[in-house]
Amino acid sequence: MSTIMELQNDPQMQAVLADPEVMRAVQNFNLQALSSNPKIKALMKNAKIRRINNAVK
């Protein structure tokens, strides 16, 4: 849980959340747009995100 809370201060996560294109894709459940977005691709390589992903699996 603390790792998830740390993400709110992560500059990479903040950049993704501030991107109108990404947020539009999230609101529209446009998984194709999200999966092809360079910021999302880079975020998925983020060590914190990978730790969370592995913990959930």
N, C-alpha and C. Protein backbone atom coordinates (compact mmCIF):
# COMPACT_ATOMS: atom_id res chain seq x y z
N MET A 1 0.83 -1.20 0.00
CA MET A 1 0.00 0.00 0.00
C MET A 1 0.87 1.26 0.00
N SER A 2 1.95 1.24 0.75
CA SER A 2 2.80 2.43 0.79
C SER A 2 3.44 2.71 -0.56
N THR A 3 3.74 1.65 -1.32
CA THR A 3 4.31 1.83 -2.65
C THR A 3 3.31 2.54 -3.55
N ILE A 4 2.05 2.16 -3.44
CA ILE A 4 1.00 2.81 -4.24
C ILE A 4 0.89 4.28 -3.85
N MET A 5 0.96 4.58 -2.56
CA MET A 5 0.87 5.96 -2.11
C MET A 5 2.07 6.78 -2.59
N GLU A 6 3.23 6.15 -2.70
CA GLU A 6 4.43 6.84 -3.19
C GLU A 6 4.25 7.30 -4.63
N LEU A 7 3.43 6.62 -5.39
CA LEU A 7 3.24 6.96 -6.80
C LEU A 7 2.67 8.36 -6.99
N GLN A 8 1.91 8.84 -6.02
CA GLN A 8 1.33 10.17 -6.17
C GLN A 8 2.40 11.25 -6.23
N ASN A 9 3.60 10.95 -5.73
CA ASN A 9 4.70 11.91 -5.76
C ASN A 9 5.70 11.62 -6.88
N ASP A 10 5.46 10.57 -7.63
CA ASP A 10 6.37 10.18 -8.70
C ASP A 10 6.19 11.12 -9.90
N PRO A 11 7.24 11.79 -10.33
CA PRO A 11 7.14 12.74 -11.44
C PRO A 11 6.62 12.10 -12.73
N GLN A 12 7.01 10.87 -12.97
CA GLN A 12 6.56 10.18 -14.18
C GLN A 12 5.05 9.94 -14.12
N MET A 13 4.55 9.54 -12.96
CA MET A 13 3.11 9.32 -12.79
C MET A 13 2.37 10.65 -12.89
N GLN A 14 2.91 11.69 -12.32
CA GLN A 14 2.27 13.00 -12.39
C GLN A 14 2.17 13.48 -13.84
N ALA A 15 3.20 13.22 -14.63
CA ALA A 15 3.19 13.62 -16.04
C ALA A 15 2.10 12.87 -16.80
N VAL A 16 1.93 11.60 -16.50
CA VAL A 16 0.90 10.81 -17.16
C VAL A 16 -0.48 11.34 -16.78
N LEU A 17 -0.69 11.60 -15.50
CA LEU A 17 -1.99 12.08 -15.04
C LEU A 17 -2.30 13.50 -15.54
N ALA A 18 -1.28 14.26 -15.84
CA ALA A 18 -1.48 15.62 -16.33
C ALA A 18 -1.67 15.68 -17.85
N ASP A 19 -1.49 14.56 -18.52
CA ASP A 19 -1.59 14.53 -19.98
C ASP A 19 -3.06 14.39 -20.39
N PRO A 20 -3.61 15.41 -21.06
CA PRO A 20 -5.03 15.36 -21.44
C PRO A 20 -5.36 14.18 -22.37
N GLU A 21 -4.43 13.83 -23.24
CA GLU A 21 -4.66 12.71 -24.15
C GLU A 21 -4.81 11.40 -23.38
N VAL A 22 -3.95 11.19 -22.41
CA VAL A 22 -4.02 9.98 -21.59
C VAL A 22 -5.31 9.96 -20.78
N MET A 23 -5.64 11.08 -20.18
CA MET A 23 -6.85 11.13 -19.36
C MET A 23 -8.11 10.93 -20.19
N ARG A 24 -8.11 11.43 -21.42
CA ARG A 24 -9.24 11.21 -22.32
C ARG A 24 -9.38 9.72 -22.63
N ALA A 25 -8.26 9.07 -22.88
CA ALA A 25 -8.27 7.64 -23.17
C ALA A 25 -8.76 6.85 -21.95
N VAL A 26 -8.35 7.26 -20.76
CA VAL A 26 -8.81 6.59 -19.53
C VAL A 26 -10.32 6.76 -19.39
N GLN A 27 -10.81 7.98 -19.56
CA GLN A 27 -12.23 8.25 -19.41
C GLN A 27 -13.08 7.49 -20.43
N ASN A 28 -12.51 7.28 -21.61
CA ASN A 28 -13.23 6.57 -22.67
C ASN A 28 -12.95 5.07 -22.69
N PHE A 29 -12.19 4.59 -21.69
CA PHE A 29 -11.81 3.18 -21.63
C PHE A 29 -11.18 2.72 -22.94
N ASN A 30 -10.38 3.60 -23.53
CA ASN A 30 -9.73 3.32 -24.80
C ASN A 30 -8.39 2.62 -24.52
N LEU A 31 -8.45 1.31 -24.37
CA LEU A 31 -7.26 0.54 -24.02
C LEU A 31 -6.23 0.54 -25.15
N GLN A 32 -6.70 0.61 -26.38
CA GLN A 32 -5.77 0.64 -27.51
C GLN A 32 -4.93 1.92 -27.46
N ALA A 33 -5.58 3.05 -27.22
CA ALA A 33 -4.85 4.32 -27.14
C ALA A 33 -3.89 4.31 -25.96
N LEU A 34 -4.32 3.75 -24.83
CA LEU A 34 -3.46 3.71 -23.65
C LEU A 34 -2.25 2.81 -23.88
N SER A 35 -2.48 1.65 -24.45
CA SER A 35 -1.38 0.70 -24.63
C SER A 35 -0.36 1.17 -25.66
N SER A 36 -0.77 2.07 -26.54
CA SER A 36 0.17 2.56 -27.55
C SER A 36 0.78 3.92 -27.18
N ASN A 37 0.36 4.49 -26.08
CA ASN A 37 0.86 5.80 -25.66
C ASN A 37 2.28 5.66 -25.10
N PRO A 38 3.23 6.45 -25.60
CA PRO A 38 4.62 6.35 -25.14
C PRO A 38 4.80 6.60 -23.64
N LYS A 39 4.00 7.50 -23.08
CA LYS A 39 4.11 7.77 -21.64
C LYS A 39 3.65 6.56 -20.83
N ILE A 40 2.61 5.91 -21.28
CA ILE A 40 2.11 4.71 -20.59
C ILE A 40 3.12 3.58 -20.73
N LYS A 41 3.68 3.43 -21.92
CA LYS A 41 4.70 2.39 -22.13
C LYS A 41 5.88 2.60 -21.20
N ALA A 42 6.32 3.84 -21.08
CA ALA A 42 7.45 4.15 -20.20
C ALA A 42 7.06 3.92 -18.74
N LEU A 43 5.86 4.29 -18.39
CA LEU A 43 5.39 4.11 -17.01
C LEU A 43 5.37 2.63 -16.64
N MET A 44 5.01 1.77 -17.57
CA MET A 44 4.95 0.35 -17.29
C MET A 44 6.34 -0.25 -17.05
N LYS A 45 7.37 0.48 -17.41
CA LYS A 45 8.74 0.04 -17.15
C LYS A 45 9.26 0.59 -15.81
N ASN A 46 8.49 1.46 -15.19
CA ASN A 46 8.84 2.06 -13.91
C ASN A 46 8.95 0.96 -12.85
N ALA A 47 10.04 0.98 -12.08
CA ALA A 47 10.30 -0.06 -11.08
C ALA A 47 9.17 -0.16 -10.05
N LYS A 48 8.63 0.97 -9.62
CA LYS A 48 7.54 0.94 -8.63
C LYS A 48 6.30 0.28 -9.23
N ILE A 49 5.98 0.62 -10.45
CA ILE A 49 4.81 0.03 -11.12
C ILE A 49 5.02 -1.48 -11.28
N ARG A 50 6.21 -1.88 -11.65
CA ARG A 50 6.49 -3.31 -11.83
C ARG A 50 6.36 -4.06 -10.51
N ARG A 51 6.82 -3.45 -9.40
CA ARG A 51 6.68 -4.09 -8.09
C ARG A 51 5.21 -4.27 -7.73
N ILE A 52 4.40 -3.24 -7.98
CA ILE A 52 2.98 -3.33 -7.69
C ILE A 52 2.34 -4.40 -8.56
N ASN A 53 2.67 -4.40 -9.82
CA ASN A 53 2.12 -5.38 -10.76
C ASN A 53 2.47 -6.80 -10.32
N ASN A 54 3.70 -7.03 -9.93
CA ASN A 54 4.13 -8.35 -9.50
C ASN A 54 3.45 -8.76 -8.19
N ALA A 55 3.20 -7.81 -7.31
CA ALA A 55 2.54 -8.11 -6.04
C ALA A 55 1.08 -8.50 -6.25
N VAL A 56 0.47 -7.93 -7.26
CA VAL A 56 -0.96 -8.19 -7.53
C VAL A 56 -1.15 -9.54 -8.19
N LYS A 57 -0.17 -9.98 -8.96
CA LYS A 57 -0.28 -11.24 -9.69
C LYS A 57 -0.33 -12.43 -8.78
